[in-house]
Amino acid sequence: MYGGGILILYLLSTINIIKEYERAVIFRLGRLMHDAKGPGLIWVFWPVDKMVRISLRTITLDVPPQDIITRDNVSVKVNAIVYFRVMNAPRAVTEVENYLYATSQLAQTTLRSVLGQVDLDDLLSQREKLNVKLQDILDQHTGAWGIKVALVEVKQVDLPQEMQRAMAKQAEAEREKRAKVIHAEGEFQAAAKLAEAAAVITTEPVALQLRYLQTLTEI
């Protein structure tokens, strides 16, 4: 009876609940059981079996600011965010030691490599295009680990202070230029109206007299 109680306790201890968003990768005597288990109740017969839980939910990875020198030799700091998820739990366990750390390191090196090949203007204006390129490159590399990179977003580009001041001066110069153009166009239109009025007065002096009399009556 004592032995039966121990057996019951052991069998109860082998029961594991795998959530809907999880999968269990089982190793039996060190060998991988081919298919991931779950969701629901599964049995893990320790010490023969070893279980590794893997979440299938989308993971949000913040890529820390990276020092990047653009193709036109401007030093910037760029950070990004990567959204990815495990598509193949056994691969995520067996093909890489730590898929979270590996994906983070790969994202950092890819960010430096890709953005270092573009000019500053493209980095600031072609962000959507660069996001897609980063996502494609990361996804190609992580696919072997059972990882799907769904989205990459470059979050912030920090420029040196002197570059920020130069861009502010350039923007101010552009605003002044537009203001001068608008003023010149206004002067041109006013001159055209004066010339038109002078032509009317020259050809129709009676009209000028009538307008003068109308003005007197209004006074």
C-alpha atoms as a PDB file:
ATOM      1  CA  MET A   1       0.000   0.000   0.000  1.00  0.00           C
ATOM      2  CA  TYR A   2       2.868   2.312   0.825  1.00  0.00           C
ATOM      3  CA  GLY A   3       4.413   1.596  -2.580  1.00  0.00           C
ATOM      4  CA  GLY A   4       1.071   2.193  -4.288  1.00  0.00           C
ATOM      5  CA  GLY A   5       0.792   5.606  -2.657  1.00  0.00           C
ATOM      6  CA  ILE A   6       4.241   6.555  -3.859  1.00  0.00           C
ATOM      7  CA  LEU A   7       3.328   5.432  -7.368  1.00  0.00           C
ATOM      8  CA  ILE A   8       0.178   7.557  -7.310  1.00  0.00           C
ATOM      9  CA  LEU A   9       2.118  10.590  -6.113  1.00  0.00           C
ATOM     10  CA  TYR A  10       4.713  10.045  -8.832  1.00  0.00           C
ATOM     11  CA  LEU A  11       2.069   9.768 -11.551  1.00  0.00           C
ATOM     12  CA  LEU A  12       0.399  12.934 -10.295  1.00  0.00           C
ATOM     13  CA  SER A  13       3.745  14.747 -10.399  1.00  0.00           C
ATOM     14  CA  THR A  14       4.188  13.813 -14.058  1.00  0.00           C
ATOM     15  CA  ILE A  15       1.060  15.726 -15.067  1.00  0.00           C
ATOM     16  CA  ASN A  16       1.754  19.152 -16.576  1.00  0.00           C
ATOM     17  CA  ILE A  17      -0.679  21.735 -17.919  1.00  0.00           C
ATOM     18  CA  ILE A  18       0.391  23.477 -21.121  1.00  0.00           C
ATOM     19  CA  LYS A  19      -1.434  26.737 -21.848  1.00  0.00           C
ATOM     20  CA  GLU A  20      -2.997  27.576 -25.199  1.00  0.00           C
ATOM     21  CA  TYR A  21      -0.108  29.875 -26.134  1.00  0.00           C
ATOM     22  CA  GLU A  22       2.586  27.409 -25.029  1.00  0.00           C
ATOM     23  CA  ARG A  23       4.203  24.274 -26.390  1.00  0.00           C
ATOM     24  CA  ALA A  24       6.290  21.719 -24.523  1.00  0.00           C
ATOM     25  CA  VAL A  25       9.475  20.325 -26.058  1.00  0.00           C
ATOM     26  CA  ILE A  26      10.208  16.924 -24.529  1.00  0.00           C
ATOM     27  CA  PHE A  27      13.583  15.181 -24.364  1.00  0.00           C
ATOM     28  CA  ARG A  28      13.500  11.490 -23.472  1.00  0.00           C
ATOM     29  CA  LEU A  29      16.859  10.100 -22.382  1.00  0.00           C
ATOM     30  CA  GLY A  30      18.414  13.117 -24.088  1.00  0.00           C
ATOM     31  CA  ARG A  31      16.669  12.509 -27.398  1.00  0.00           C
ATOM     32  CA  LEU A  32      14.185  14.996 -28.808  1.00  0.00           C
ATOM     33  CA  MET A  33      10.600  13.813 -29.090  1.00  0.00           C
ATOM     34  CA  HIS A  34       9.779  14.922 -32.610  1.00  0.00           C
ATOM     35  CA  ASP A  35       6.597  16.904 -32.035  1.00  0.00           C
ATOM     36  CA  ALA A  36       6.020  19.613 -29.458  1.00  0.00           C
ATOM     37  CA  LYS A  37       3.246  18.803 -26.993  1.00  0.00           C
ATOM     38  CA  GLY A  38       0.254  20.871 -25.953  1.00  0.00           C
ATOM     39  CA  PRO A  39      -1.922  22.635 -25.252  1.00  0.00           C
ATOM     40  CA  GLY A  40      -3.676  20.781 -22.438  1.00  0.00           C
ATOM     41  CA  LEU A  41      -2.552  18.004 -20.097  1.00  0.00           C
ATOM     42  CA  ILE A  42       0.664  16.137 -20.852  1.00  0.00           C
ATOM     43  CA  TRP A  43       2.751  13.599 -18.964  1.00  0.00           C
ATOM     44  CA  VAL A  44       6.449  14.133 -18.352  1.00  0.00           C
ATOM     45  CA  PHE A  45       8.005  11.025 -16.820  1.00  0.00           C
ATOM     46  CA  TRP A  46      10.961  12.456 -14.944  1.00  0.00           C
ATOM     47  CA  PRO A  47      13.846  11.736 -14.616  1.00  0.00           C
ATOM     48  CA  VAL A  48      13.626   9.991 -17.983  1.00  0.00           C
ATOM     49  CA  ASP A  49      11.937  13.000 -19.590  1.00  0.00           C
ATOM     50  CA  LYS A  50      12.923  16.643 -19.518  1.00  0.00           C
ATOM     51  CA  MET A  51      10.481  19.377 -20.576  1.00  0.00           C
ATOM     52  CA  VAL A  52      11.185  22.859 -21.958  1.00  0.00           C
ATOM     53  CA  ARG A  53       8.255  25.293 -22.152  1.00  0.00           C
ATOM     54  CA  ILE A  54       8.187  27.645 -25.137  1.00  0.00           C
ATOM     55  CA  SER A  55       5.793  30.581 -25.545  1.00  0.00           C
ATOM     56  CA  LEU A  56       4.250  31.071 -28.992  1.00  0.00           C
ATOM     57  CA  ARG A  57       3.150  34.648 -28.292  1.00  0.00           C
ATOM     58  CA  THR A  58       4.651  37.569 -30.165  1.00  0.00           C
ATOM     59  CA  ILE A  59       7.722  38.902 -28.367  1.00  0.00           C
ATOM     60  CA  THR A  60       8.585  42.602 -28.358  1.00  0.00           C
ATOM     61  CA  LEU A  61      12.328  43.160 -28.418  1.00  0.00           C
ATOM     62  CA  ASP A  62      13.822  46.606 -27.814  1.00  0.00           C
ATOM     63  CA  VAL A  63      17.103  47.029 -29.673  1.00  0.00           C
ATOM     64  CA  PRO A  64      19.300  49.379 -27.587  1.00  0.00           C
ATOM     65  CA  PRO A  65      20.758  52.509 -29.239  1.00  0.00           C
ATOM     66  CA  GLN A  66      23.501  51.616 -31.703  1.00  0.00           C
ATOM     67  CA  ASP A  67      26.373  53.890 -32.763  1.00  0.00           C
ATOM     68  CA  ILE A  68      26.231  54.023 -36.554  1.00  0.00           C
ATOM     69  CA  ILE A  69      28.296  55.913 -39.126  1.00  0.00           C
ATOM     70  CA  THR A  70      26.230  56.509 -42.247  1.00  0.00           C
ATOM     71  CA  ARG A  71      27.608  56.247 -45.753  1.00  0.00           C
ATOM     72  CA  ASP A  72      28.153  60.020 -45.849  1.00  0.00           C
ATOM     73  CA  ASN A  73      30.183  59.829 -42.590  1.00  0.00           C
ATOM     74  CA  VAL A  74      27.600  61.167 -40.138  1.00  0.00           C
ATOM     75  CA  SER A  75      27.685  59.613 -36.661  1.00  0.00           C
ATOM     76  CA  VAL A  76      24.210  58.844 -35.285  1.00  0.00           C
ATOM     77  CA  LYS A  77      22.587  56.758 -32.560  1.00  0.00           C
ATOM     78  CA  VAL A  78      19.687  54.585 -33.702  1.00  0.00           C
ATOM     79  CA  ASN A  79      17.397  52.297 -31.736  1.00  0.00           C
ATOM     80  CA  ALA A  80      14.688  49.975 -33.001  1.00  0.00           C
ATOM     81  CA  ILE A  81      12.011  47.512 -31.968  1.00  0.00           C
ATOM     82  CA  VAL A  82      11.580  43.971 -33.308  1.00  0.00           C
ATOM     83  CA  TYR A  83       8.412  41.861 -33.173  1.00  0.00           C
ATOM     84  CA  PHE A  84       8.908  38.112 -33.536  1.00  0.00           C
ATOM     85  CA  ARG A  85       7.476  34.791 -32.426  1.00  0.00           C
ATOM     86  CA  VAL A  86       8.411  31.125 -32.232  1.00  0.00           C
ATOM     87  CA  MET A  87       6.883  29.136 -35.086  1.00  0.00           C
ATOM     88  CA  ASN A  88       8.730  25.853 -34.477  1.00  0.00           C
ATOM     89  CA  ALA A  89       9.320  25.147 -30.787  1.00  0.00           C
ATOM     90  CA  PRO A  90      11.702  22.158 -31.207  1.00  0.00           C
ATOM     91  CA  ARG A  91      13.976  24.199 -33.484  1.00  0.00           C
ATOM     92  CA  ALA A  92      13.960  27.148 -31.083  1.00  0.00           C
ATOM     93  CA  VAL A  93      15.310  24.798 -28.409  1.00  0.00           C
ATOM     94  CA  THR A  94      17.744  22.654 -30.419  1.00  0.00           C
ATOM     95  CA  GLU A  95      19.114  24.978 -33.110  1.00  0.00           C
ATOM     96  CA  VAL A  96      20.246  27.838 -30.871  1.00  0.00           C
ATOM     97  CA  GLU A  97      21.284  27.981 -27.223  1.00  0.00           C
ATOM     98  CA  ASN A  98      19.157  31.011 -26.320  1.00  0.00           C
ATOM     99  CA  TYR A  99      16.889  32.246 -29.096  1.00  0.00           C
ATOM    100  CA  LEU A 100      15.998  35.480 -27.256  1.00  0.00           C
ATOM    101  CA  TYR A 101      19.627  36.498 -26.802  1.00  0.00           C
ATOM    102  CA  ALA A 102      20.581  35.341 -30.304  1.00  0.00           C
ATOM    103  CA  THR A 103      17.761  37.321 -31.922  1.00  0.00           C
ATOM    104  CA  SER A 104      18.722  40.415 -29.928  1.00  0.00           C
ATOM    105  CA  GLN A 105      22.376  40.202 -30.964  1.00  0.00           C
ATOM    106  CA  LEU A 106      21.464  39.555 -34.594  1.00  0.00           C
ATOM    107  CA  ALA A 107      19.108  42.554 -34.592  1.00  0.00           C
ATOM    108  CA  GLN A 108      21.870  44.836 -33.289  1.00  0.00           C
ATOM    109  CA  THR A 109      24.476  43.754 -35.845  1.00  0.00           C
ATOM    110  CA  THR A 110      21.951  43.871 -38.699  1.00  0.00           C
ATOM    111  CA  LEU A 111      20.853  47.371 -37.696  1.00  0.00           C
ATOM    112  CA  ARG A 112      24.452  48.626 -37.762  1.00  0.00           C
ATOM    113  CA  SER A 113      25.227  46.875 -41.036  1.00  0.00           C
ATOM    114  CA  VAL A 114      22.162  47.972 -43.014  1.00  0.00           C
ATOM    115  CA  LEU A 115      21.939  51.567 -41.784  1.00  0.00           C
ATOM    116  CA  GLY A 116      25.681  52.052 -42.215  1.00  0.00           C
ATOM    117  CA  GLN A 117      25.182  51.570 -45.966  1.00  0.00           C
ATOM    118  CA  VAL A 118      22.783  54.489 -46.457  1.00  0.00           C
ATOM    119  CA  ASP A 119      23.122  58.272 -46.419  1.00  0.00           C
ATOM    120  CA  LEU A 120      21.649  60.326 -43.597  1.00  0.00           C
ATOM    121  CA  ASP A 121      18.926  61.753 -45.862  1.00  0.00           C
ATOM    122  CA  ASP A 122      17.772  58.235 -46.770  1.00  0.00           C
ATOM    123  CA  LEU A 123      17.877  57.174 -43.125  1.00  0.00           C
ATOM    124  CA  LEU A 124      15.538  60.032 -42.231  1.00  0.00           C
ATOM    125  CA  SER A 125      13.234  59.902 -45.264  1.00  0.00           C
ATOM    126  CA  GLN A 126      13.183  56.217 -46.310  1.00  0.00           C
ATOM    127  CA  ARG A 127      12.454  54.675 -42.930  1.00  0.00           C
ATOM    128  CA  GLU A 128       9.614  52.429 -44.110  1.00  0.00           C
ATOM    129  CA  LYS A 129      11.794  50.968 -46.844  1.00  0.00           C
ATOM    130  CA  LEU A 130      14.626  50.353 -44.388  1.00  0.00           C
ATOM    131  CA  ASN A 131      12.230  48.709 -41.922  1.00  0.00           C
ATOM    132  CA  VAL A 132      11.179  46.199 -44.572  1.00  0.00           C
ATOM    133  CA  LYS A 133      14.788  45.474 -45.509  1.00  0.00           C
ATOM    134  CA  LEU A 134      15.754  44.902 -41.876  1.00  0.00           C
ATOM    135  CA  GLN A 135      12.779  42.588 -41.371  1.00  0.00           C
ATOM    136  CA  ASP A 136      13.646  40.534 -44.471  1.00  0.00           C
ATOM    137  CA  ILE A 137      17.285  40.069 -43.454  1.00  0.00           C
ATOM    138  CA  LEU A 138      16.461  39.127 -39.864  1.00  0.00           C
ATOM    139  CA  ASP A 139      13.739  36.724 -40.947  1.00  0.00           C
ATOM    140  CA  GLN A 140      16.102  34.927 -43.325  1.00  0.00           C
ATOM    141  CA  HIS A 141      18.574  34.267 -40.516  1.00  0.00           C
ATOM    142  CA  THR A 142      16.119  33.388 -37.743  1.00  0.00           C
ATOM    143  CA  GLY A 143      14.077  31.012 -39.892  1.00  0.00           C
ATOM    144  CA  ALA A 144      16.580  28.225 -39.176  1.00  0.00           C
ATOM    145  CA  TRP A 145      15.854  28.693 -35.450  1.00  0.00           C
ATOM    146  CA  GLY A 146      12.106  28.340 -35.917  1.00  0.00           C
ATOM    147  CA  ILE A 147      11.646  32.096 -35.419  1.00  0.00           C
ATOM    148  CA  LYS A 148       9.457  34.373 -37.548  1.00  0.00           C
ATOM    149  CA  VAL A 149      10.318  38.087 -37.523  1.00  0.00           C
ATOM    150  CA  ALA A 150       7.045  39.864 -38.237  1.00  0.00           C
ATOM    151  CA  LEU A 151       8.049  43.527 -38.041  1.00  0.00           C
ATOM    152  CA  VAL A 152      11.015  45.824 -37.465  1.00  0.00           C
ATOM    153  CA  GLU A 153      10.593  49.514 -36.659  1.00  0.00           C
ATOM    154  CA  VAL A 154      13.409  52.060 -36.458  1.00  0.00           C
ATOM    155  CA  LYS A 155      12.217  54.132 -33.497  1.00  0.00           C
ATOM    156  CA  GLN A 156      14.567  57.068 -33.087  1.00  0.00           C
ATOM    157  CA  VAL A 157      17.558  58.598 -34.846  1.00  0.00           C
ATOM    158  CA  ASP A 158      19.658  60.842 -32.588  1.00  0.00           C
ATOM    159  CA  LEU A 159      21.853  63.320 -34.448  1.00  0.00           C
ATOM    160  CA  PRO A 160      24.917  65.145 -33.090  1.00  0.00           C
ATOM    161  CA  GLN A 161      24.168  68.610 -31.668  1.00  0.00           C
ATOM    162  CA  GLU A 162      26.102  70.377 -34.417  1.00  0.00           C
ATOM    163  CA  MET A 163      24.124  68.470 -37.054  1.00  0.00           C
ATOM    164  CA  GLN A 164      20.845  69.425 -35.374  1.00  0.00           C
ATOM    165  CA  ARG A 165      21.858  73.097 -35.368  1.00  0.00           C
ATOM    166  CA  ALA A 166      22.869  72.916 -39.034  1.00  0.00           C
ATOM    167  CA  MET A 167      19.538  71.323 -39.978  1.00  0.00           C
ATOM    168  CA  ALA A 168      17.647  73.958 -37.973  1.00  0.00           C
ATOM    169  CA  LYS A 169      19.498  76.734 -39.829  1.00  0.00           C
ATOM    170  CA  GLN A 170      18.750  75.058 -43.149  1.00  0.00           C
ATOM    171  CA  ALA A 171      15.050  74.795 -42.269  1.00  0.00           C
ATOM    172  CA  GLU A 172      14.990  78.479 -41.261  1.00  0.00           C
ATOM    173  CA  ALA A 173      16.677  79.447 -44.533  1.00  0.00           C
ATOM    174  CA  GLU A 174      14.074  77.439 -46.462  1.00  0.00           C
ATOM    175  CA  ARG A 175      11.241  79.212 -44.621  1.00  0.00           C
ATOM    176  CA  GLU A 176      12.761  82.624 -45.370  1.00  0.00           C
ATOM    177  CA  LYS A 177      13.183  81.647 -49.003  1.00  0.00           C
ATOM    178  CA  ARG A 178       9.527  80.619 -49.286  1.00  0.00           C
ATOM    179  CA  ALA A 179       8.422  83.850 -47.586  1.00  0.00           C
ATOM    180  CA  LYS A 180      10.431  85.936 -50.066  1.00  0.00           C
ATOM    181  CA  VAL A 181       8.977  84.007 -53.002  1.00  0.00           C
ATOM    182  CA  ILE A 182       5.429  84.555 -51.713  1.00  0.00           C
ATOM    183  CA  HIS A 183       6.138  88.273 -51.180  1.00  0.00           C
ATOM    184  CA  ALA A 184       7.604  88.596 -54.678  1.00  0.00           C
ATOM    185  CA  GLU A 185       4.582  86.864 -56.200  1.00  0.00           C
ATOM    186  CA  GLY A 186       2.316  89.279 -54.338  1.00  0.00           C
ATOM    187  CA  GLU A 187       4.283  92.273 -55.622  1.00  0.00           C
ATOM    188  CA  PHE A 188       4.108  90.894 -59.155  1.00  0.00           C
ATOM    189  CA  GLN A 189       0.339  90.453 -58.973  1.00  0.00           C
ATOM    190  CA  ALA A 190      -0.101  93.967 -57.542  1.00  0.00           C
ATOM    191  CA  ALA A 191       2.023  95.429 -60.340  1.00  0.00           C
ATOM    192  CA  ALA A 192      -0.045  93.546 -62.909  1.00  0.00           C
ATOM    193  CA  LYS A 193      -3.261  94.961 -61.444  1.00  0.00           C
ATOM    194  CA  LEU A 194      -1.838  98.510 -61.513  1.00  0.00           C
ATOM    195  CA  ALA A 195      -0.789  98.087 -65.120  1.00  0.00           C
ATOM    196  CA  GLU A 196      -4.256  96.804 -65.987  1.00  0.00           C
ATOM    197  CA  ALA A 197      -5.867  99.782 -64.256  1.00  0.00           C
ATOM    198  CA  ALA A 198      -3.554 102.215 -66.051  1.00  0.00           C
ATOM    199  CA  ALA A 199      -4.501 100.668 -69.381  1.00  0.00           C
ATOM    200  CA  VAL A 200      -8.208 101.093 -68.618  1.00  0.00           C
ATOM    201  CA  ILE A 201      -7.733 104.741 -67.618  1.00  0.00           C
ATOM    202  CA  THR A 202      -5.778 105.453 -70.783  1.00  0.00           C
ATOM    203  CA  THR A 203      -8.347 103.910 -73.090  1.00  0.00           C
ATOM    204  CA  GLU A 204     -11.491 104.972 -71.197  1.00  0.00           C
ATOM    205  CA  PRO A 205     -11.054 108.366 -69.414  1.00  0.00           C
ATOM    206  CA  VAL A 206     -14.841 108.700 -69.057  1.00  0.00           C
ATOM    207  CA  ALA A 207     -14.852 105.633 -66.808  1.00  0.00           C
ATOM    208  CA  LEU A 208     -12.332 107.357 -64.539  1.00  0.00           C
ATOM    209  CA  GLN A 209     -14.558 110.446 -64.243  1.00  0.00           C
ATOM    210  CA  LEU A 210     -17.605 108.327 -63.413  1.00  0.00           C
ATOM    211  CA  ARG A 211     -15.631 106.495 -60.724  1.00  0.00           C
ATOM    212  CA  TYR A 212     -14.518 109.860 -59.288  1.00  0.00           C
ATOM    213  CA  LEU A 213     -18.129 111.129 -59.130  1.00  0.00           C
ATOM    214  CA  GLN A 214     -19.253 107.866 -57.488  1.00  0.00           C
ATOM    215  CA  THR A 215     -16.586 108.288 -54.830  1.00  0.00           C
ATOM    216  CA  LEU A 216     -17.755 111.857 -54.106  1.00  0.00           C
ATOM    217  CA  THR A 217     -21.362 110.744 -53.647  1.00  0.00           C
ATOM    218  CA  GLU A 218     -20.269 107.975 -51.252  1.00  0.00           C
ATOM    219  CA  ILE A 219     -18.420 110.568 -49.148  1.00  0.00           C
END
